[in-house]
Amino acid sequence: MSSLSDADIFARLWQGSDSLKSSLITVLDAFDPCEEVKFARNFIKEFDKNLPNEFSERVTKVRDIFFFISQLLRSVESSKVQTDGFCDVLHILSRIKIYFTPYEY
């Protein structure tokens, strides 16, 4: 296994079409429209406008965002998204401390 730098972690979590942020937005778009989902999308946009300078701080903030959204949406009922499972995954992602990638063989 190889540890990832804070810049790599941030890129995988938040940048690009295959990032967790991209997946998060896709799931948010699948929810039935409600104020909580609208608030979560605006929260993400505001973070993107005010990125911290240090990558370690960015990673911490992304974890905080995952946790916040998991708590915000937990009580939302949706006919299209399994809210409990989605919020559980976000909660787990918010608590990961070590990111790694397997060695290439």
Protein backbone atom coordinates (compact mmCIF):
# COMPACT_ATOMS: atom_id res chain seq x y z
CA MET A 1 0.00 0.00 0.00
CA SER A 2 1.06 3.54 -0.64
CA SER A 3 -0.13 6.53 1.39
CA LEU A 4 -1.66 9.40 -0.51
CA SER A 5 -0.65 13.04 -0.09
CA ASP A 6 -3.22 15.57 1.08
CA ALA A 7 -3.32 16.97 -2.46
CA ASP A 8 -4.07 13.49 -3.89
CA ILE A 9 -6.72 12.86 -1.25
CA PHE A 10 -8.42 16.17 -1.98
CA ALA A 11 -8.35 15.50 -5.72
CA ARG A 12 -9.96 12.09 -5.30
CA LEU A 13 -12.56 13.35 -2.86
CA TRP A 14 -13.45 16.66 -4.46
CA GLN A 15 -12.04 17.27 -7.93
CA GLY A 16 -12.83 15.74 -11.29
CA SER A 17 -15.66 13.80 -12.83
CA ASP A 18 -14.83 10.62 -10.88
CA SER A 19 -14.54 12.28 -7.45
CA LEU A 20 -16.75 11.56 -4.47
CA LYS A 21 -18.09 15.10 -4.78
CA SER A 22 -19.31 14.30 -8.28
CA SER A 23 -21.04 11.17 -6.98
CA LEU A 24 -22.50 13.13 -4.08
CA ILE A 25 -24.01 15.69 -6.45
CA THR A 26 -25.42 12.91 -8.64
CA VAL A 27 -27.19 11.40 -5.62
CA LEU A 28 -28.41 14.81 -4.43
CA ASP A 29 -29.91 15.35 -7.88
CA ALA A 30 -31.79 12.04 -7.53
CA PHE A 31 -33.51 13.09 -4.29
CA ASP A 32 -37.05 14.37 -4.39
CA PRO A 33 -36.82 18.20 -4.31
CA CYS A 34 -36.74 19.60 -0.77
CA GLU A 35 -35.15 22.43 1.20
CA GLU A 36 -32.51 20.19 2.82
CA VAL A 37 -31.18 19.03 -0.55
CA LYS A 38 -31.15 22.59 -1.88
CA PHE A 39 -29.24 23.69 1.23
CA ALA A 40 -26.70 20.85 0.82
CA ARG A 41 -26.03 21.82 -2.82
CA ASN A 42 -25.57 25.48 -1.84
CA PHE A 43 -23.26 24.43 1.00
CA ILE A 44 -21.06 22.58 -1.51
CA LYS A 45 -21.01 25.58 -3.86
CA GLU A 46 -19.99 27.92 -1.03
CA PHE A 47 -17.14 25.62 -0.04
CA ASP A 48 -15.89 25.61 -3.64
CA LYS A 49 -15.85 29.42 -3.63
CA ASN A 50 -13.86 29.63 -0.39
CA LEU A 51 -11.31 26.81 -0.55
CA PRO A 52 -8.70 26.87 2.23
CA ASN A 53 -5.10 27.29 1.05
CA GLU A 54 -3.65 24.18 2.68
CA PHE A 55 -4.62 20.78 1.27
CA SER A 56 -4.74 19.23 4.75
CA GLU A 57 -7.29 21.86 5.75
CA ARG A 58 -9.27 21.17 2.57
CA VAL A 59 -9.43 17.46 3.37
CA THR A 60 -10.62 18.22 6.91
CA LYS A 61 -13.32 20.53 5.56
CA VAL A 62 -14.48 17.90 3.04
CA ARG A 63 -14.82 15.39 5.88
CA ASP A 64 -16.85 17.99 7.78
CA ILE A 65 -19.08 18.51 4.75
CA PHE A 66 -19.72 14.77 4.42
CA PHE A 67 -20.67 14.61 8.10
CA PHE A 68 -22.86 17.72 7.94
CA ILE A 69 -24.76 16.50 4.88
CA SER A 70 -25.22 13.06 6.42
CA GLN A 71 -26.87 14.67 9.45
CA LEU A 72 -28.86 17.18 7.40
CA LEU A 73 -30.43 14.60 5.10
CA ARG A 74 -30.95 11.75 7.58
CA SER A 75 -34.58 12.71 8.23
CA VAL A 76 -35.42 13.37 4.57
CA GLU A 77 -37.75 10.86 2.96
CA SER A 78 -37.19 10.09 -0.70
CA SER A 79 -38.86 7.73 -3.10
CA LYS A 80 -35.70 7.59 -5.23
CA VAL A 81 -32.79 7.39 -2.73
CA GLN A 82 -32.21 5.06 0.19
CA THR A 83 -31.57 7.96 2.55
CA ASP A 84 -30.37 5.94 5.55
CA GLY A 85 -27.78 4.05 3.52
CA PHE A 86 -26.61 7.19 1.75
CA CYS A 87 -26.23 9.06 5.03
CA ASP A 88 -24.41 6.10 6.61
CA VAL A 89 -21.87 6.07 3.76
CA LEU A 90 -21.33 9.83 4.09
CA HIS A 91 -20.86 9.42 7.84
CA ILE A 92 -18.26 6.68 7.30
CA LEU A 93 -16.45 8.81 4.70
CA SER A 94 -16.35 11.69 7.17
CA ARG A 95 -14.46 9.53 9.69
CA ILE A 96 -11.75 8.04 7.45
CA LYS A 97 -8.33 9.12 8.71
CA ILE A 98 -5.91 7.27 6.39
CA TYR A 99 -6.28 7.11 2.63
CA PHE A 100 -4.16 4.77 0.56
CA THR A 101 -3.89 3.15 -2.81
CA PRO A 102 -2.60 -0.35 -3.59
CA TYR A 103 0.82 -0.65 -5.17
CA GLU A 104 0.80 -1.15 -8.90
CA TYR A 105 2.22 -4.54 -9.90
